[in-house]
Amino acid sequence: MDSPVGVGLIGLGMAAAPHLLALRDLEREGRVSLLGGHSPSAERRDTFRRRWDAPVFATQQELLRQPGLGLVLILTPPGTHGAIATDVAAAGHAMIVEKPLERDVAAGEALVALAERHGIACGVCLQHRFRPGALRLREAILAGELGRLLSASASVRWWRDAAYFAEPGRGTMARDGGGVLLTQAIHTIDLLLHLAGPCRNVAGFAETSPLRAIDTEDIVGAALRFENGAIGVLDATTVAKPGYPERIEIAGTEGSAVLEGSHLTLHGLNGVERIGLSPAGGGADPMAFDHGPHRTLIADMLDAMAAGRRPISDARTALPAQRLIEDLLRHTKERT
């Protein structure tokens, strides 16, 4: 692509900010042109226009008809993704969908099939894959630096306060489709599977605490067995005040690694290696992260569009995490 790719946003809420910071970086590099955004909320359109000095469109179709548009970021609640993606695909535009891909696996599979049927690139915003520490750890695992994997676990002990749940519908099945697993921990679950491979079996427990008026789980504990034989645990909650960086711990026959937030400590065949920023993550503030991984994810999508390949964040690769979540919650219900 010799000319900048026109980019539009559908959904101008909290999730938009890191995408827009990433797009501004890519604009300065001459890779994209921000054409504007749409939200059904006039207030959000006005805030977006003033903060980002970018055009807004009162209707989705008006945005999709903009000359030069090539990539659409869908940043709305998950239950709306499928319908919006249908319009985007019909207009022939590539898309990146905010996580989770959809409210459930069936809807996610339908969205993937839609994109593939139209022959357009479709990515999902699981940007933790693009953190430098995560990239190095995946490289080490694929190169055999940790040997055969024996153990792979994840812990997401976060805190979300009353203000977070004050937004209408937040934490409900009707709006979000799930609780801590689908809404918060999905990034870490996806990264765990991206590193350790698919999960064969899962068993666990999930509960809703008395701390907030929601109908989804906010405390989860589970045991995992991976296809490669590794065993691990998943610990996820949003009741751990004041909130801590998420962790992934992996051990193999030749070494081990701890990925805490964006900081990697790797004990491998080549000795001890430390990569990335000091431990940081969304422990208490859902927006307390650097936008660099978003930039890398979008840049990879642009590269994929130019080369005619699938992006690293291809939507189909997001389905295993949602299948694991549904399997875990199904197991929980069967035991109650």
C-alpha atoms as a PDB file:
ATOM      1  CA  MET A   1       0.000   0.000   0.000  1.00  0.00           C
ATOM      2  CA  ASP A   2       1.678   3.203  -1.193  1.00  0.00           C
ATOM      3  CA  SER A   3      -0.970   5.585   0.140  1.00  0.00           C
ATOM      4  CA  PRO A   4      -2.303   5.793   3.693  1.00  0.00           C
ATOM      5  CA  VAL A   5      -5.189   3.487   4.545  1.00  0.00           C
ATOM      6  CA  GLY A   6      -8.338   5.324   5.569  1.00  0.00           C
ATOM      7  CA  VAL A   7      -9.524   4.208   9.021  1.00  0.00           C
ATOM      8  CA  GLY A   8     -12.880   4.732  10.691  1.00  0.00           C
ATOM      9  CA  LEU A   9     -14.140   3.879  14.180  1.00  0.00           C
ATOM     10  CA  ILE A  10     -17.563   2.590  15.156  1.00  0.00           C
ATOM     11  CA  GLY A  11     -17.965   2.975  18.907  1.00  0.00           C
ATOM     12  CA  LEU A  12     -16.417   5.960  20.704  1.00  0.00           C
ATOM     13  CA  GLY A  13     -16.440   4.836  24.332  1.00  0.00           C
ATOM     14  CA  MET A  14     -13.649   3.960  26.758  1.00  0.00           C
ATOM     15  CA  ALA A  15     -12.046   1.414  24.412  1.00  0.00           C
ATOM     16  CA  ALA A  16     -11.405   3.999  21.696  1.00  0.00           C
ATOM     17  CA  ALA A  17      -8.569   5.948  23.367  1.00  0.00           C
ATOM     18  CA  PRO A  18      -5.663   3.458  22.955  1.00  0.00           C
ATOM     19  CA  HIS A  19      -6.727   2.780  19.368  1.00  0.00           C
ATOM     20  CA  LEU A  20      -6.709   6.489  18.594  1.00  0.00           C
ATOM     21  CA  LEU A  21      -3.290   7.018  20.193  1.00  0.00           C
ATOM     22  CA  ALA A  22      -2.014   4.139  18.048  1.00  0.00           C
ATOM     23  CA  LEU A  23      -3.628   5.608  14.927  1.00  0.00           C
ATOM     24  CA  ARG A  24      -2.029   9.010  15.577  1.00  0.00           C
ATOM     25  CA  ASP A  25       1.384   7.277  15.696  1.00  0.00           C
ATOM     26  CA  LEU A  26       0.641   5.501  12.423  1.00  0.00           C
ATOM     27  CA  GLU A  27      -0.622   8.758  10.864  1.00  0.00           C
ATOM     28  CA  ARG A  28       2.712  10.406  11.611  1.00  0.00           C
ATOM     29  CA  GLU A  29       4.382   7.491   9.827  1.00  0.00           C
ATOM     30  CA  GLY A  30       2.150   8.001   6.804  1.00  0.00           C
ATOM     31  CA  ARG A  31       0.494   4.597   7.123  1.00  0.00           C
ATOM     32  CA  VAL A  32      -3.088   5.594   7.928  1.00  0.00           C
ATOM     33  CA  SER A  33      -5.487   8.481   7.653  1.00  0.00           C
ATOM     34  CA  LEU A  34      -8.105   8.858  10.385  1.00  0.00           C
ATOM     35  CA  LEU A  35     -11.353   9.541   8.530  1.00  0.00           C
ATOM     36  CA  GLY A  36     -13.516   9.829  11.644  1.00  0.00           C
ATOM     37  CA  GLY A  37     -15.856   7.951  13.921  1.00  0.00           C
ATOM     38  CA  HIS A  38     -19.461   7.093  14.611  1.00  0.00           C
ATOM     39  CA  SER A  39     -21.427   6.535  17.795  1.00  0.00           C
ATOM     40  CA  PRO A  40     -25.200   6.578  18.234  1.00  0.00           C
ATOM     41  CA  SER A  41     -24.522   8.869  21.208  1.00  0.00           C
ATOM     42  CA  ALA A  42     -24.400  12.566  20.248  1.00  0.00           C
ATOM     43  CA  GLU A  43     -22.484  13.257  23.472  1.00  0.00           C
ATOM     44  CA  ARG A  44     -19.767  10.755  22.600  1.00  0.00           C
ATOM     45  CA  ARG A  45     -19.553  12.074  19.042  1.00  0.00           C
ATOM     46  CA  ASP A  46     -19.036  15.594  20.381  1.00  0.00           C
ATOM     47  CA  THR A  47     -16.395  14.466  22.896  1.00  0.00           C
ATOM     48  CA  PHE A  48     -14.565  12.523  20.171  1.00  0.00           C
ATOM     49  CA  ARG A  49     -14.631  15.460  17.757  1.00  0.00           C
ATOM     50  CA  ARG A  50     -13.257  17.893  20.338  1.00  0.00           C
ATOM     51  CA  ARG A  51     -10.604  15.607  21.844  1.00  0.00           C
ATOM     52  CA  TRP A  52      -9.252  14.117  18.634  1.00  0.00           C
ATOM     53  CA  ASP A  53     -10.036  16.918  16.192  1.00  0.00           C
ATOM     54  CA  ALA A  54     -11.548  14.373  13.815  1.00  0.00           C
ATOM     55  CA  PRO A  55     -14.800  14.183  11.837  1.00  0.00           C
ATOM     56  CA  VAL A  56     -17.852  12.430  13.266  1.00  0.00           C
ATOM     57  CA  PHE A  57     -20.750  10.805  11.453  1.00  0.00           C
ATOM     58  CA  ALA A  58     -24.305  10.644  12.722  1.00  0.00           C
ATOM     59  CA  THR A  59     -24.941   7.286  11.069  1.00  0.00           C
ATOM     60  CA  GLN A  60     -22.892   4.158  10.564  1.00  0.00           C
ATOM     61  CA  GLN A  61     -23.662   4.031   6.867  1.00  0.00           C
ATOM     62  CA  GLU A  62     -22.385   7.565   6.370  1.00  0.00           C
ATOM     63  CA  LEU A  63     -19.021   6.517   7.783  1.00  0.00           C
ATOM     64  CA  LEU A  64     -18.912   3.345   5.694  1.00  0.00           C
ATOM     65  CA  ARG A  65     -19.460   5.366   2.499  1.00  0.00           C
ATOM     66  CA  GLN A  66     -16.436   7.615   3.074  1.00  0.00           C
ATOM     67  CA  PRO A  67     -13.990   7.686   0.102  1.00  0.00           C
ATOM     68  CA  GLY A  68     -10.690   5.984   0.879  1.00  0.00           C
ATOM     69  CA  LEU A  69     -12.014   3.953   3.819  1.00  0.00           C
ATOM     70  CA  GLY A  70     -10.177   0.650   4.032  1.00  0.00           C
ATOM     71  CA  LEU A  71     -10.181  -0.433   7.686  1.00  0.00           C
ATOM     72  CA  VAL A  72     -12.924  -0.167  10.304  1.00  0.00           C
ATOM     73  CA  LEU A  73     -12.399  -0.586  14.051  1.00  0.00           C
ATOM     74  CA  ILE A  74     -15.511  -1.970  15.771  1.00  0.00           C
ATOM     75  CA  LEU A  75     -15.296  -0.825  19.405  1.00  0.00           C
ATOM     76  CA  THR A  76     -18.849  -1.395  20.645  1.00  0.00           C
ATOM     77  CA  PRO A  77     -20.204  -3.872  23.253  1.00  0.00           C
ATOM     78  CA  PRO A  78     -19.802  -7.498  22.100  1.00  0.00           C
ATOM     79  CA  GLY A  79     -23.462  -8.232  21.434  1.00  0.00           C
ATOM     80  CA  THR A  80     -23.439  -5.636  18.646  1.00  0.00           C
ATOM     81  CA  HIS A  81     -20.349  -6.845  16.772  1.00  0.00           C
ATOM     82  CA  GLY A  82     -22.033  -9.311  14.439  1.00  0.00           C
ATOM     83  CA  ALA A  83     -24.596  -6.855  13.076  1.00  0.00           C
ATOM     84  CA  ILE A  84     -22.014  -4.096  12.580  1.00  0.00           C
ATOM     85  CA  ALA A  85     -19.553  -6.529  10.965  1.00  0.00           C
ATOM     86  CA  THR A  86     -22.277  -7.534   8.511  1.00  0.00           C
ATOM     87  CA  ASP A  87     -22.517  -3.943   7.268  1.00  0.00           C
ATOM     88  CA  VAL A  88     -18.736  -3.481   7.220  1.00  0.00           C
ATOM     89  CA  ALA A  89     -18.214  -6.701   5.259  1.00  0.00           C
ATOM     90  CA  ALA A  90     -20.967  -5.776   2.792  1.00  0.00           C
ATOM     91  CA  ALA A  91     -19.109  -2.503   2.176  1.00  0.00           C
ATOM     92  CA  GLY A  92     -15.925  -4.501   1.500  1.00  0.00           C
ATOM     93  CA  HIS A  93     -13.786  -3.106   4.301  1.00  0.00           C
ATOM     94  CA  ALA A  94     -11.284  -4.925   6.503  1.00  0.00           C
ATOM     95  CA  MET A  95     -12.034  -4.754  10.215  1.00  0.00           C
ATOM     96  CA  ILE A  96     -10.585  -5.085  13.694  1.00  0.00           C
ATOM     97  CA  VAL A  97     -13.134  -6.058  16.354  1.00  0.00           C
ATOM     98  CA  GLU A  98     -12.656  -5.185  20.011  1.00  0.00           C
ATOM     99  CA  LYS A  99     -12.504  -8.186  22.315  1.00  0.00           C
ATOM    100  CA  PRO A 100     -14.370 -10.393  22.873  1.00  0.00           C
ATOM    101  CA  LEU A 101     -15.149 -11.298  19.283  1.00  0.00           C
ATOM    102  CA  GLU A 102     -18.824 -11.741  20.211  1.00  0.00           C
ATOM    103  CA  ARG A 103     -20.991 -12.636  23.193  1.00  0.00           C
ATOM    104  CA  ASP A 104     -20.628 -16.397  22.667  1.00  0.00           C
ATOM    105  CA  VAL A 105     -18.771 -18.910  20.534  1.00  0.00           C
ATOM    106  CA  ALA A 106     -21.637 -19.458  18.091  1.00  0.00           C
ATOM    107  CA  ALA A 107     -21.890 -15.735  17.341  1.00  0.00           C
ATOM    108  CA  GLY A 108     -18.105 -15.500  17.100  1.00  0.00           C
ATOM    109  CA  GLU A 109     -17.984 -18.369  14.612  1.00  0.00           C
ATOM    110  CA  ALA A 110     -20.678 -16.666  12.550  1.00  0.00           C
ATOM    111  CA  LEU A 111     -18.651 -13.447  12.472  1.00  0.00           C
ATOM    112  CA  VAL A 112     -15.515 -15.327  11.363  1.00  0.00           C
ATOM    113  CA  ALA A 113     -17.470 -17.131   8.638  1.00  0.00           C
ATOM    114  CA  LEU A 114     -18.915 -13.803   7.466  1.00  0.00           C
ATOM    115  CA  ALA A 115     -15.473 -12.248   7.018  1.00  0.00           C
ATOM    116  CA  GLU A 116     -14.101 -15.322   5.273  1.00  0.00           C
ATOM    117  CA  ARG A 117     -17.116 -15.495   2.964  1.00  0.00           C
ATOM    118  CA  HIS A 118     -16.523 -11.880   1.900  1.00  0.00           C
ATOM    119  CA  GLY A 119     -12.769 -12.441   1.604  1.00  0.00           C
ATOM    120  CA  ILE A 120     -11.845  -9.568   3.916  1.00  0.00           C
ATOM    121  CA  ALA A 121      -9.247  -9.400   6.672  1.00  0.00           C
ATOM    122  CA  CYS A 122     -10.756  -9.535  10.151  1.00  0.00           C
ATOM    123  CA  GLY A 123      -8.722  -9.173  13.326  1.00  0.00           C
ATOM    124  CA  VAL A 124      -9.652  -9.033  16.992  1.00  0.00           C
ATOM    125  CA  CYS A 125      -8.099  -6.684  19.525  1.00  0.00           C
ATOM    126  CA  LEU A 126      -6.187  -9.079  21.762  1.00  0.00           C
ATOM    127  CA  GLN A 127      -3.187  -6.797  22.008  1.00  0.00           C
ATOM    128  CA  HIS A 128      -1.402  -8.586  24.855  1.00  0.00           C
ATOM    129  CA  ARG A 129       0.025 -10.908  22.189  1.00  0.00           C
ATOM    130  CA  PHE A 130       2.014  -7.907  20.929  1.00  0.00           C
ATOM    131  CA  ARG A 131       3.697  -6.874  24.162  1.00  0.00           C
ATOM    132  CA  PRO A 132       7.493  -7.203  23.768  1.00  0.00           C
ATOM    133  CA  GLY A 133       7.741  -9.681  26.643  1.00  0.00           C
ATOM    134  CA  ALA A 134       4.977 -11.847  25.181  1.00  0.00           C
ATOM    135  CA  LEU A 135       6.583 -11.771  21.730  1.00  0.00           C
ATOM    136  CA  ARG A 136       9.928 -12.866  23.201  1.00  0.00           C
ATOM    137  CA  LEU A 137       8.341 -15.615  25.311  1.00  0.00           C
ATOM    138  CA  ARG A 138       6.474 -17.045  22.317  1.00  0.00           C
ATOM    139  CA  GLU A 139       9.705 -16.976  20.328  1.00  0.00           C
ATOM    140  CA  ALA A 140      11.514 -18.822  23.131  1.00  0.00           C
ATOM    141  CA  ILE A 141       8.808 -21.487  23.405  1.00  0.00           C
ATOM    142  CA  LEU A 142       8.693 -22.092  19.644  1.00  0.00           C
ATOM    143  CA  ALA A 143      12.504 -22.321  19.555  1.00  0.00           C
ATOM    144  CA  GLY A 144      12.486 -24.939  22.323  1.00  0.00           C
ATOM    145  CA  GLU A 145      14.362 -22.759  24.819  1.00  0.00           C
ATOM    146  CA  LEU A 146      12.118 -24.003  27.639  1.00  0.00           C
ATOM    147  CA  GLY A 147      12.059 -27.589  26.363  1.00  0.00           C
ATOM    148  CA  ARG A 148       8.796 -29.515  26.519  1.00  0.00           C
ATOM    149  CA  LEU A 149       6.149 -27.570  28.401  1.00  0.00           C
ATOM    150  CA  LEU A 150       5.082 -29.139  31.697  1.00  0.00           C
ATOM    151  CA  SER A 151       3.105 -26.411  33.454  1.00  0.00           C
ATOM    152  CA  ALA A 152       1.272 -23.299  32.245  1.00  0.00           C
ATOM    153  CA  SER A 153      -0.852 -21.132  34.548  1.00  0.00           C
ATOM    154  CA  ALA A 154      -2.457 -17.699  34.624  1.00  0.00           C
ATOM    155  CA  SER A 155      -3.591 -15.410  37.438  1.00  0.00           C
ATOM    156  CA  VAL A 156      -5.718 -12.297  36.961  1.00  0.00           C
ATOM    157  CA  ARG A 157      -6.365 -10.737  40.363  1.00  0.00           C
ATOM    158  CA  TRP A 158      -7.881  -7.364  39.535  1.00  0.00           C
ATOM    159  CA  TRP A 159     -10.167  -4.859  41.228  1.00  0.00           C
ATOM    160  CA  ARG A 160     -13.078  -2.984  39.654  1.00  0.00           C
ATOM    161  CA  ASP A 161     -14.793  -0.330  41.761  1.00  0.00           C
ATOM    162  CA  ALA A 162     -18.382   0.876  41.954  1.00  0.00           C
ATOM    163  CA  ALA A 163     -17.776   3.590  39.347  1.00  0.00           C
ATOM    164  CA  TYR A 164     -16.761   0.944  36.818  1.00  0.00           C
ATOM    165  CA  PHE A 165     -20.006  -0.969  37.311  1.00  0.00           C
ATOM    166  CA  ALA A 166     -22.097   2.209  37.316  1.00  0.00           C
ATOM    167  CA  GLU A 167     -22.289   2.196  33.507  1.00  0.00           C
ATOM    168  CA  PRO A 168     -25.700   0.782  32.531  1.00  0.00           C
ATOM    169  CA  GLY A 169     -25.519  -2.930  31.775  1.00  0.00           C
ATOM    170  CA  ARG A 170     -21.885  -3.343  32.786  1.00  0.00           C
ATOM    171  CA  GLY A 171     -21.273  -6.837  34.119  1.00  0.00           C
ATOM    172  CA  THR A 172     -24.547  -8.243  32.822  1.00  0.00           C
ATOM    173  CA  MET A 173     -25.180 -11.110  30.446  1.00  0.00           C
ATOM    174  CA  ALA A 174     -27.562  -8.929  28.442  1.00  0.00           C
ATOM    175  CA  ARG A 175     -24.883  -6.386  27.524  1.00  0.00           C
ATOM    176  CA  ASP A 176     -21.486  -8.048  27.980  1.00  0.00           C
ATOM    177  CA  GLY A 177     -22.282 -11.728  27.557  1.00  0.00           C
ATOM    178  CA  GLY A 178     -20.096 -12.667  30.522  1.00  0.00           C
ATOM    179  CA  GLY A 179     -18.141 -11.509  33.546  1.00  0.00           C
ATOM    180  CA  VAL A 180     -14.510 -11.589  34.590  1.00  0.00           C
ATOM    181  CA  LEU A 181     -13.622 -14.360  32.130  1.00  0.00           C
ATOM    182  CA  LEU A 182     -15.048 -12.834  28.951  1.00  0.00           C
ATOM    183  CA  THR A 183     -14.646  -9.152  29.824  1.00  0.00           C
ATOM    184  CA  GLN A 184     -11.407  -8.855  31.808  1.00  0.00           C
ATOM    185  CA  ALA A 185      -9.382 -12.081  31.890  1.00  0.00           C
ATOM    186  CA  ILE A 186      -9.905 -12.930  28.212  1.00  0.00           C
ATOM    187  CA  HIS A 187      -6.691 -11.081  27.299  1.00  0.00           C
ATOM    188  CA  THR A 188      -4.624 -13.249  29.634  1.00  0.00           C
ATOM    189  CA  ILE A 189      -6.513 -16.439  28.744  1.00  0.00           C
ATOM    190  CA  ASP A 190      -5.930 -15.774  25.056  1.00  0.00           C
ATOM    191  CA  LEU A 191      -2.246 -15.091  25.633  1.00  0.00           C
ATOM    192  CA  LEU A 192      -1.880 -18.261  27.726  1.00  0.00           C
ATOM    193  CA  LEU A 193      -3.300 -20.329  24.848  1.00  0.00           C
ATOM    194  CA  HIS A 194      -1.249 -18.355  22.315  1.00  0.00           C
ATOM    195  CA  LEU A 195       1.864 -19.389  24.252  1.00  0.00           C
ATOM    196  CA  ALA A 196       1.047 -22.881  25.544  1.00  0.00           C
ATOM    197  CA  GLY A 197      -1.304 -24.148  22.854  1.00  0.00           C
ATOM    198  CA  PRO A 198      -4.913 -25.314  22.985  1.00  0.00           C
ATOM    199  CA  CYS A 199      -6.561 -26.610  26.143  1.00  0.00           C
ATOM    200  CA  ARG A 200      -7.853 -30.204  26.185  1.00  0.00           C
ATOM    201  CA  ASN A 201      -9.741 -30.287  29.508  1.00  0.00           C
ATOM    202  CA  VAL A 202     -10.961 -27.733  32.027  1.00  0.00           C
ATOM    203  CA  ALA A 203     -12.710 -28.082  35.374  1.00  0.00           C
ATOM    204  CA  GLY A 204     -13.445 -25.401  37.910  1.00  0.00           C
ATOM    205  CA  PHE A 205     -15.726 -23.156  39.898  1.00  0.00           C
ATOM    206  CA  ALA A 206     -17.238 -19.720  39.252  1.00  0.00           C
ATOM    207  CA  GLU A 207     -19.197 -17.476  41.609  1.00  0.00           C
ATOM    208  CA  THR A 208     -20.688 -13.995  41.773  1.00  0.00           C
ATOM    209  CA  SER A 209     -19.591 -11.998  44.814  1.00  0.00           C
ATOM    210  CA  PRO A 210     -21.980  -9.838  46.876  1.00  0.00           C
ATOM    211  CA  LEU A 211     -19.898  -6.733  46.087  1.00  0.00           C
ATOM    212  CA  ARG A 212     -21.836  -5.551  43.035  1.00  0.00           C
ATOM    213  CA  ALA A 213     -25.259  -5.974  41.423  1.00  0.00           C
ATOM    214  CA  ILE A 214     -24.307  -8.083  38.405  1.00  0.00           C
ATOM    215  CA  ASP A 215     -25.482 -11.431  37.057  1.00  0.00           C
ATOM    216  CA  THR A 216     -22.095 -12.656  35.790  1.00  0.00           C
ATOM    217  CA  GLU A 217     -19.149 -14.333  37.500  1.00  0.00           C
ATOM    218  CA  ASP A 218     -16.436 -12.262  39.201  1.00  0.00           C
ATOM    219  CA  ILE A 219     -14.546 -15.077  41.021  1.00  0.00           C
ATOM    220  CA  VAL A 220     -13.186 -18.086  39.100  1.00  0.00           C
ATOM    221  CA  GLY A 221     -10.769 -20.917  39.844  1.00  0.00           C
ATOM    222  CA  ALA A 222     -10.018 -23.704  37.366  1.00  0.00           C
ATOM    223  CA  ALA A 223      -7.649 -26.536  36.522  1.00  0.00           C
ATOM    224  CA  LEU A 224      -6.395 -26.893  32.941  1.00  0.00           C
ATOM    225  CA  ARG A 225      -4.829 -29.666  30.875  1.00  0.00           C
ATOM    226  CA  PHE A 226      -3.333 -28.660  27.534  1.00  0.00           C
ATOM    227  CA  GLU A 227      -3.148 -30.693  24.340  1.00  0.00           C
ATOM    228  CA  ASN A 228       0.637 -30.938  24.762  1.00  0.00           C
ATOM    229  CA  GLY A 229       0.173 -32.567  28.190  1.00  0.00           C
ATOM    230  CA  ALA A 230       1.017 -29.515  30.300  1.00  0.00           C
ATOM    231  CA  ILE A 231      -1.113 -28.885  33.397  1.00  0.00           C
ATOM    232  CA  GLY A 232      -1.986 -25.529  34.926  1.00  0.00           C
ATOM    233  CA  VAL A 233      -4.452 -23.399  36.815  1.00  0.00           C
ATOM    234  CA  LEU A 234      -6.500 -20.315  36.027  1.00  0.00           C
ATOM    235  CA  ASP A 235      -7.332 -17.837  38.786  1.00  0.00           C
ATOM    236  CA  ALA A 236      -9.448 -14.846  37.745  1.00  0.00           C
ATOM    237  CA  THR A 237     -11.304 -12.237  39.759  1.00  0.00           C
ATOM    238  CA  THR A 238     -12.194  -8.547  39.939  1.00  0.00           C
ATOM    239  CA  VAL A 239     -12.642  -8.526  43.748  1.00  0.00           C
ATOM    240  CA  ALA A 240      -8.910  -8.417  44.668  1.00  0.00           C
ATOM    241  CA  LYS A 241      -8.612  -4.873  46.002  1.00  0.00           C
ATOM    242  CA  PRO A 242      -6.452  -2.888  45.244  1.00  0.00           C
ATOM    243  CA  GLY A 243      -5.672  -4.948  42.101  1.00  0.00           C
ATOM    244  CA  TYR A 244      -2.460  -6.621  40.953  1.00  0.00           C
ATOM    245  CA  PRO A 245      -0.684  -7.176  37.627  1.00  0.00           C
ATOM    246  CA  GLU A 246      -1.825 -10.274  35.776  1.00  0.00           C
ATOM    247  CA  ARG A 247       0.664 -13.179  35.621  1.00  0.00           C
ATOM    248  CA  ILE A 248       1.422 -16.058  33.298  1.00  0.00           C
ATOM    249  CA  GLU A 249       3.859 -18.688  34.563  1.00  0.00           C
ATOM    250  CA  ILE A 250       5.254 -21.385  32.301  1.00  0.00           C
ATOM    251  CA  ALA A 251       7.674 -24.197  33.137  1.00  0.00           C
ATOM    252  CA  GLY A 252       9.300 -26.712  30.820  1.00  0.00           C
ATOM    253  CA  THR A 253      11.945 -29.398  30.901  1.00  0.00           C
ATOM    254  CA  GLU A 254      14.702 -26.846  30.131  1.00  0.00           C
ATOM    255  CA  GLY A 255      13.546 -23.680  31.863  1.00  0.00           C
ATOM    256  CA  SER A 256      10.732 -21.438  33.058  1.00  0.00           C
ATOM    257  CA  ALA A 257       9.266 -18.002  32.583  1.00  0.00           C
ATOM    258  CA  VAL A 258       7.098 -15.481  34.426  1.00  0.00           C
ATOM    259  CA  LEU A 259       5.223 -12.812  32.490  1.00  0.00           C
ATOM    260  CA  GLU A 260       3.890 -10.265  34.991  1.00  0.00           C
ATOM    261  CA  GLY A 261       1.981  -7.482  33.308  1.00  0.00           C
ATOM    262  CA  SER A 262       4.295  -6.527  30.463  1.00  0.00           C
ATOM    263  CA  HIS A 263       7.492  -7.680  32.206  1.00  0.00           C
ATOM    264  CA  LEU A 264       9.092 -11.012  31.284  1.00  0.00           C
ATOM    265  CA  THR A 265      11.623 -12.937  33.355  1.00  0.00           C
ATOM    266  CA  LEU A 266      12.926 -15.849  31.302  1.00  0.00           C
ATOM    267  CA  HIS A 267      15.121 -18.629  32.695  1.00  0.00           C
ATOM    268  CA  GLY A 268      16.070 -20.596  29.597  1.00  0.00           C
ATOM    269  CA  LEU A 269      18.911 -22.349  27.843  1.00  0.00           C
ATOM    270  CA  ASN A 270      20.633 -18.993  27.336  1.00  0.00           C
ATOM    271  CA  GLY A 271      20.522 -17.960  30.984  1.00  0.00           C
ATOM    272  CA  VAL A 272      18.345 -15.304  32.643  1.00  0.00           C
ATOM    273  CA  GLU A 273      16.712 -12.658  30.496  1.00  0.00           C
ATOM    274  CA  ARG A 274      14.465  -9.772  31.506  1.00  0.00           C
ATOM    275  CA  ILE A 275      12.381  -7.867  28.991  1.00  0.00           C
ATOM    276  CA  GLY A 276       9.715  -5.198  29.099  1.00  0.00           C
ATOM    277  CA  LEU A 277       8.482  -2.579  31.485  1.00  0.00           C
ATOM    278  CA  SER A 278       8.259  -3.062  35.221  1.00  0.00           C
ATOM    279  CA  PRO A 279       5.116  -4.995  36.196  1.00  0.00           C
ATOM    280  CA  ALA A 280       2.039  -3.114  35.020  1.00  0.00           C
ATOM    281  CA  GLY A 281      -1.449  -3.972  33.940  1.00  0.00           C
ATOM    282  CA  GLY A 282      -5.117  -3.298  34.497  1.00  0.00           C
ATOM    283  CA  GLY A 283      -5.098  -4.340  38.151  1.00  0.00           C
ATOM    284  CA  ALA A 284      -7.292  -1.458  39.308  1.00  0.00           C
ATOM    285  CA  ASP A 285      -7.466   0.929  36.331  1.00  0.00           C
ATOM    286  CA  PRO A 286      -8.843  -0.716  33.174  1.00  0.00           C
ATOM    287  CA  MET A 287      -7.000   1.863  31.042  1.00  0.00           C
ATOM    288  CA  ALA A 288      -3.607   1.658  32.796  1.00  0.00           C
ATOM    289  CA  PHE A 289      -1.594   0.350  29.869  1.00  0.00           C
ATOM    290  CA  ASP A 290       0.624   1.604  27.080  1.00  0.00           C
ATOM    291  CA  HIS A 291      -0.903   1.893  23.603  1.00  0.00           C
ATOM    292  CA  GLY A 292       2.197   0.437  21.936  1.00  0.00           C
ATOM    293  CA  PRO A 293       0.741  -3.083  21.559  1.00  0.00           C
ATOM    294  CA  HIS A 294      -2.374  -1.592  19.936  1.00  0.00           C
ATOM    295  CA  ARG A 295      -0.102   0.176  17.465  1.00  0.00           C
ATOM    296  CA  THR A 296       1.737  -3.064  16.679  1.00  0.00           C
ATOM    297  CA  LEU A 297      -1.540  -4.958  16.259  1.00  0.00           C
ATOM    298  CA  ILE A 298      -2.937  -2.360  13.831  1.00  0.00           C
ATOM    299  CA  ALA A 299       0.380  -2.173  11.964  1.00  0.00           C
ATOM    300  CA  ASP A 300       0.334  -5.950  11.533  1.00  0.00           C
ATOM    301  CA  MET A 301      -3.195  -5.698  10.123  1.00  0.00           C
ATOM    302  CA  LEU A 302      -1.985  -3.097   7.608  1.00  0.00           C
ATOM    303  CA  ASP A 303       0.909  -5.383   6.642  1.00  0.00           C
ATOM    304  CA  ALA A 304      -1.498  -8.310   6.278  1.00  0.00           C
ATOM    305  CA  MET A 305      -3.827  -6.281   4.052  1.00  0.00           C
ATOM    306  CA  ALA A 306      -0.908  -5.279   1.821  1.00  0.00           C
ATOM    307  CA  ALA A 307       0.469  -8.827   1.607  1.00  0.00           C
ATOM    308  CA  GLY A 308      -2.880 -10.594   1.277  1.00  0.00           C
ATOM    309  CA  ARG A 309      -2.226 -12.732   4.364  1.00  0.00           C
ATOM    310  CA  ARG A 310      -4.092 -13.276   7.609  1.00  0.00           C
ATOM    311  CA  PRO A 311      -3.130 -10.951  10.479  1.00  0.00           C
ATOM    312  CA  ILE A 312      -1.558 -12.379  13.614  1.00  0.00           C
ATOM    313  CA  SER A 313      -4.733 -11.268  15.396  1.00  0.00           C
ATOM    314  CA  ASP A 314      -6.948 -13.099  12.874  1.00  0.00           C
ATOM    315  CA  ALA A 315     -10.451 -13.446  14.285  1.00  0.00           C
ATOM    316  CA  ARG A 316     -10.446 -17.245  13.982  1.00  0.00           C
ATOM    317  CA  THR A 317      -7.528 -17.424  16.441  1.00  0.00           C
ATOM    318  CA  ALA A 318      -9.670 -15.697  19.080  1.00  0.00           C
ATOM    319  CA  LEU A 319     -12.192 -18.541  19.219  1.00  0.00           C
ATOM    320  CA  PRO A 320     -10.164 -20.989  21.394  1.00  0.00           C
ATOM    321  CA  ALA A 321     -10.206 -18.578  24.354  1.00  0.00           C
ATOM    322  CA  GLN A 322     -13.976 -18.210  24.114  1.00  0.00           C
ATOM    323  CA  ARG A 323     -14.413 -21.975  23.802  1.00  0.00           C
ATOM    324  CA  LEU A 324     -12.354 -22.451  26.960  1.00  0.00           C
ATOM    325  CA  ILE A 325     -14.471 -19.877  28.798  1.00  0.00           C
ATOM    326  CA  GLU A 326     -17.720 -21.524  27.723  1.00  0.00           C
ATOM    327  CA  ASP A 327     -16.422 -25.000  28.602  1.00  0.00           C
ATOM    328  CA  LEU A 328     -15.398 -23.785  32.059  1.00  0.00           C
ATOM    329  CA  LEU A 329     -18.728 -22.108  32.777  1.00  0.00           C
ATOM    330  CA  ARG A 330     -20.614 -25.134  31.467  1.00  0.00           C
ATOM    331  CA  HIS A 331     -18.611 -27.393  33.796  1.00  0.00           C
ATOM    332  CA  THR A 332     -19.368 -25.051  36.690  1.00  0.00           C
ATOM    333  CA  LYS A 333     -23.135 -25.195  36.061  1.00  0.00           C
ATOM    334  CA  GLU A 334     -23.087 -28.979  35.776  1.00  0.00           C
ATOM    335  CA  ARG A 335     -21.527 -29.229  39.263  1.00  0.00           C
ATOM    336  CA  THR A 336     -23.989 -26.902  41.039  1.00  0.00           C
END
